Amino acid sequence: MTLVLFDIDGTLISSGRAGVRGMNRSFERLFGVSGALDAVPVAGRTDRAIVTEALARAGQPVEDAAVLRLRDAYCEDLREALADPGAHPGGILPGVVPLLDALAARGDVAVGLLTGNFARGAAIKLGHFGLWRRFAFGAFGDDHADRRALVPVAVEAATAAGHPRFNAADIIVIGDTPLDVDCAHAHGARAVAVATGIFSFEALAATEPAHAVHTLESLTLEALLG
């Protein structure tokens, strides 16, 4: 069995920056701070890490209660941001649906999520584009601020979903940032980097993933699982 773990933003979908727009709206509603994420790096980071830094920059207490309050408000604002994309239309990225279809047809592959999104945020984003039903388990930004810590969380989630316990050599992490590659390498898993996010193919290839591709259209099952 092989465990294939997908990132969401920039890998499966483009949300039209709905996450940033929704979270900025939440900070403004709750704390009166506008543009709270403007100076906060977000690509590849967990929502917990992003919210923690934004709270500190806004002079707010950095504690679980504040993070959870912001998370709950954000999930409301995220729905509105997705429903009103304005100048930022999103969509499912090239090659995603055929690859998910091909993996679902395999009896020797388990497919899950490894994403920095809060779990409810992940469900809202993927549900908006009709992809949430594709994933029975995952590791999310609620679980830990450090993306590296999400690999063992994903393994536990796969086991709880009825799959055998996976070893590092049996795990593939697919993402669009150097942090996706890093979290795979930190556990001896294989990484696939796809240049459909903000990082160039060259920048991703420099992180030495097992495979770097321009889009998931060019990723064959033979290359992925071989």
Protein backbone atom coordinates (compact mmCIF):
# COMPACT_ATOMS: atom_id res chain seq x y z
CA MET A 1 0.00 0.00 0.00
CA THR A 2 1.05 3.58 -0.69
CA LEU A 3 -0.23 6.62 1.19
CA VAL A 4 -0.62 9.68 -1.04
CA LEU A 5 -1.16 12.95 0.83
CA PHE A 6 -2.28 16.12 -0.94
CA ASP A 7 -1.87 19.74 0.03
CA ILE A 8 -4.88 21.92 -0.89
CA ASP A 9 -4.12 25.53 -1.89
CA GLY A 10 -1.98 25.76 -5.01
CA THR A 11 -1.99 21.97 -5.35
CA LEU A 12 -5.61 20.84 -5.68
CA ILE A 13 -7.33 24.21 -6.04
CA SER A 14 -6.85 27.92 -6.41
CA SER A 15 -9.29 29.59 -4.03
CA GLY A 16 -8.73 33.08 -5.43
CA ARG A 17 -7.02 34.06 -2.17
CA ALA A 18 -10.29 33.42 -0.37
CA GLY A 19 -8.38 32.24 2.69
CA VAL A 20 -6.42 35.47 3.03
CA ARG A 21 -9.45 37.61 2.23
CA GLY A 22 -11.59 35.71 4.72
CA MET A 23 -9.02 35.80 7.50
CA ASN A 24 -8.36 39.50 7.00
CA ARG A 25 -12.10 40.09 7.32
CA SER A 26 -12.19 38.06 10.53
CA PHE A 27 -9.36 40.06 12.11
CA GLU A 28 -11.13 43.27 11.19
CA ARG A 29 -14.44 42.08 12.63
CA LEU A 30 -13.00 40.71 15.86
CA PHE A 31 -10.11 43.05 16.61
CA GLY A 32 -10.58 46.09 14.38
CA VAL A 33 -7.33 45.32 12.57
CA SER A 34 -7.35 45.73 8.79
CA GLY A 35 -4.89 43.90 6.53
CA ALA A 36 -3.77 41.67 9.40
CA LEU A 37 -2.15 39.16 7.05
CA ASP A 38 -0.53 41.69 4.72
CA ALA A 39 2.94 41.20 6.23
CA VAL A 40 2.50 37.56 7.29
CA PRO A 41 3.95 34.81 5.06
CA VAL A 42 1.23 32.25 4.33
CA ALA A 43 2.47 29.90 1.56
CA GLY A 44 2.99 26.40 2.94
CA ARG A 45 2.37 27.41 6.56
CA THR A 46 -0.36 26.09 8.83
CA ASP A 47 -3.37 28.24 9.68
CA ARG A 48 -2.44 27.91 13.34
CA ALA A 49 1.02 29.36 12.67
CA ILE A 50 -0.41 32.13 10.47
CA VAL A 51 -3.05 33.13 13.02
CA THR A 52 -0.55 33.04 15.88
CA GLU A 53 1.83 35.41 14.07
CA ALA A 54 -1.00 37.72 12.97
CA LEU A 55 -2.35 37.90 16.53
CA ALA A 56 1.10 38.83 17.84
CA ARG A 57 1.54 41.51 15.17
CA ALA A 58 -1.91 42.89 16.05
CA GLY A 59 -0.99 43.12 19.73
CA GLN A 60 -3.52 40.46 20.73
CA PRO A 61 -2.96 37.67 23.27
CA VAL A 62 -1.43 34.62 21.61
CA GLU A 63 -3.39 31.86 23.31
CA ASP A 64 -5.56 28.94 22.26
CA ALA A 65 -8.80 30.74 23.08
CA ALA A 66 -7.92 33.59 20.69
CA VAL A 67 -6.81 31.18 17.96
CA LEU A 68 -10.04 29.19 18.22
CA ARG A 69 -12.17 32.34 18.28
CA LEU A 70 -10.45 33.55 15.12
CA ARG A 71 -10.78 30.11 13.50
CA ASP A 72 -14.54 30.04 14.07
CA ALA A 73 -15.01 33.55 12.69
CA TYR A 74 -12.75 32.75 9.74
CA CYS A 75 -14.83 29.75 8.68
CA GLU A 76 -17.85 32.05 8.39
CA ASP A 77 -15.93 34.68 6.45
CA LEU A 78 -14.29 32.05 4.23
CA ARG A 79 -17.69 30.94 2.91
CA GLU A 80 -18.49 34.53 1.97
CA ALA A 81 -15.10 35.06 0.34
CA LEU A 82 -15.53 31.95 -1.80
CA ALA A 83 -19.06 32.95 -2.78
CA ASP A 84 -17.90 36.44 -3.78
CA PRO A 85 -14.58 36.00 -5.59
CA GLY A 86 -14.65 39.44 -7.20
CA ALA A 87 -11.46 39.87 -9.21
CA HIS A 88 -10.03 36.62 -7.80
CA PRO A 89 -11.79 33.64 -9.43
CA GLY A 90 -10.61 30.23 -8.30
CA GLY A 91 -11.00 26.68 -9.53
CA ILE A 92 -9.69 23.14 -9.56
CA LEU A 93 -6.14 23.06 -10.88
CA PRO A 94 -5.07 21.21 -14.05
CA GLY A 95 -4.76 17.44 -13.82
CA VAL A 96 -6.26 17.15 -10.34
CA VAL A 97 -9.50 15.33 -11.15
CA PRO A 98 -7.94 12.76 -13.54
CA LEU A 99 -5.20 12.00 -11.01
CA LEU A 100 -7.68 11.58 -8.15
CA ASP A 101 -9.81 9.35 -10.38
CA ALA A 102 -6.81 7.21 -11.27
CA LEU A 103 -5.72 6.87 -7.64
CA ALA A 104 -9.25 6.02 -6.50
CA ALA A 105 -9.30 3.13 -8.98
CA ARG A 106 -6.23 1.57 -7.37
CA GLY A 107 -6.67 -0.96 -4.60
CA ASP A 108 -3.14 -0.42 -3.33
CA VAL A 109 -3.35 3.34 -2.66
CA ALA A 110 -4.82 5.34 0.22
CA VAL A 111 -5.47 9.02 -0.51
CA GLY A 112 -5.64 11.70 2.17
CA LEU A 113 -4.90 15.32 2.91
CA LEU A 114 -1.89 16.97 4.50
CA THR A 115 -2.74 20.65 4.66
CA GLY A 116 -2.09 23.70 6.76
CA ASN A 117 -5.79 24.59 6.54
CA PHE A 118 -7.97 24.30 9.59
CA ALA A 119 -10.09 21.17 9.12
CA ARG A 120 -13.33 23.12 8.76
CA GLY A 121 -11.63 25.52 6.36
CA ALA A 122 -10.41 22.59 4.27
CA ALA A 123 -13.93 21.16 4.14
CA ILE A 124 -15.36 24.53 3.10
CA LYS A 125 -12.77 25.12 0.36
CA LEU A 126 -12.85 21.64 -1.11
CA GLY A 127 -16.61 21.39 -0.69
CA HIS A 128 -17.01 24.60 -2.68
CA PHE A 129 -15.22 22.94 -5.60
CA GLY A 130 -16.80 19.49 -5.16
CA LEU A 131 -13.65 17.74 -3.96
CA TRP A 132 -14.20 17.22 -0.22
CA ARG A 133 -15.91 13.84 -0.72
CA ARG A 134 -12.69 12.56 -2.30
CA PHE A 135 -10.86 12.48 1.04
CA ALA A 136 -11.81 10.30 4.00
CA PHE A 137 -9.02 11.44 6.32
CA GLY A 138 -6.21 13.93 6.70
CA ALA A 139 -3.95 16.06 8.86
CA PHE A 140 -4.86 19.71 9.29
CA GLY A 141 -3.67 23.01 10.67
CA ASP A 142 -5.69 22.48 13.84
CA ASP A 143 -3.41 19.58 14.73
CA HIS A 144 -0.12 21.49 14.97
CA ALA A 145 1.50 24.79 14.05
CA ASP A 146 4.53 23.03 12.53
CA ARG A 147 3.84 21.44 9.15
CA ARG A 148 6.51 18.80 9.77
CA ALA A 149 4.42 17.47 12.65
CA LEU A 150 1.49 16.75 10.33
CA VAL A 151 3.05 13.71 8.62
CA PRO A 152 2.69 11.40 11.66
CA VAL A 153 -0.78 12.88 12.28
CA ALA A 154 -1.76 11.85 8.74
CA VAL A 155 -0.40 8.34 9.31
CA GLU A 156 -2.51 8.01 12.47
CA ALA A 157 -5.56 9.32 10.61
CA ALA A 158 -5.04 6.76 7.84
CA THR A 159 -4.77 3.97 10.40
CA ALA A 160 -7.95 5.17 12.13
CA ALA A 161 -9.69 5.10 8.73
CA GLY A 162 -8.90 1.38 8.43
CA HIS A 163 -5.66 1.38 6.47
CA PRO A 164 -2.49 -0.45 7.54
CA ARG A 165 0.18 1.57 9.33
CA PHE A 166 2.41 3.17 6.73
CA ASN A 167 6.19 3.40 6.85
CA ALA A 168 8.00 6.47 5.58
CA ALA A 169 9.03 4.70 2.36
CA ASP A 170 5.34 4.16 1.56
CA ILE A 171 4.31 7.83 1.90
CA ILE A 172 4.13 10.46 -0.86
CA VAL A 173 3.43 14.12 -0.10
CA ILE A 174 2.22 16.27 -3.00
CA GLY A 175 2.41 20.05 -2.59
CA ASP A 176 3.30 23.34 -4.21
CA THR A 177 5.74 24.89 -1.74
CA PRO A 178 9.22 24.16 -0.39
CA LEU A 179 7.60 23.55 3.02
CA ASP A 180 5.61 20.66 1.55
CA VAL A 181 8.83 19.11 0.30
CA ASP A 182 10.53 19.82 3.63
CA CYS A 183 7.85 18.09 5.70
CA ALA A 184 8.14 14.98 3.52
CA HIS A 185 11.93 14.94 3.71
CA ALA A 186 11.83 15.43 7.49
CA HIS A 187 10.20 12.00 7.80
CA GLY A 188 11.94 10.18 4.96
CA ALA A 189 8.84 10.30 2.76
CA ARG A 190 8.84 11.05 -0.95
CA ALA A 191 7.82 14.52 -2.13
CA VAL A 192 6.20 15.63 -5.37
CA ALA A 193 6.36 19.38 -6.03
CA VAL A 194 3.91 20.97 -8.44
CA ALA A 195 4.40 24.52 -9.73
CA THR A 196 0.74 25.57 -9.71
CA GLY A 197 1.16 27.83 -6.69
CA ILE A 198 3.35 30.88 -6.19
CA PHE A 199 6.69 29.06 -6.47
CA SER A 200 8.36 28.47 -9.82
CA PHE A 201 9.24 25.05 -11.17
CA GLU A 202 12.93 25.93 -10.81
CA ALA A 203 12.54 26.97 -7.15
CA LEU A 204 10.71 23.76 -6.34
CA ALA A 205 13.14 21.55 -8.26
CA ALA A 206 15.96 23.06 -6.20
CA THR A 207 14.43 21.52 -3.05
CA GLU A 208 15.15 18.06 -4.53
CA PRO A 209 11.73 16.40 -4.47
CA ALA A 210 11.37 12.95 -5.98
CA HIS A 211 9.49 14.64 -8.83
CA ALA A 212 8.92 18.28 -9.81
CA VAL A 213 6.19 18.99 -12.36
CA HIS A 214 4.69 22.10 -13.88
CA THR A 215 1.13 20.80 -13.35
CA LEU A 216 -0.37 17.54 -12.17
CA GLU A 217 -1.38 16.89 -15.79
CA SER A 218 2.18 15.76 -16.45
CA LEU A 219 2.41 13.44 -13.43
CA THR A 220 1.83 9.85 -14.50
CA LEU A 221 0.85 7.09 -12.09
CA GLU A 222 3.95 5.18 -13.13
CA ALA A 223 6.18 8.08 -12.10
CA LEU A 224 4.23 8.77 -8.91
CA LEU A 225 4.02 5.22 -7.61
CA GLY A 226 7.11 3.73 -9.23
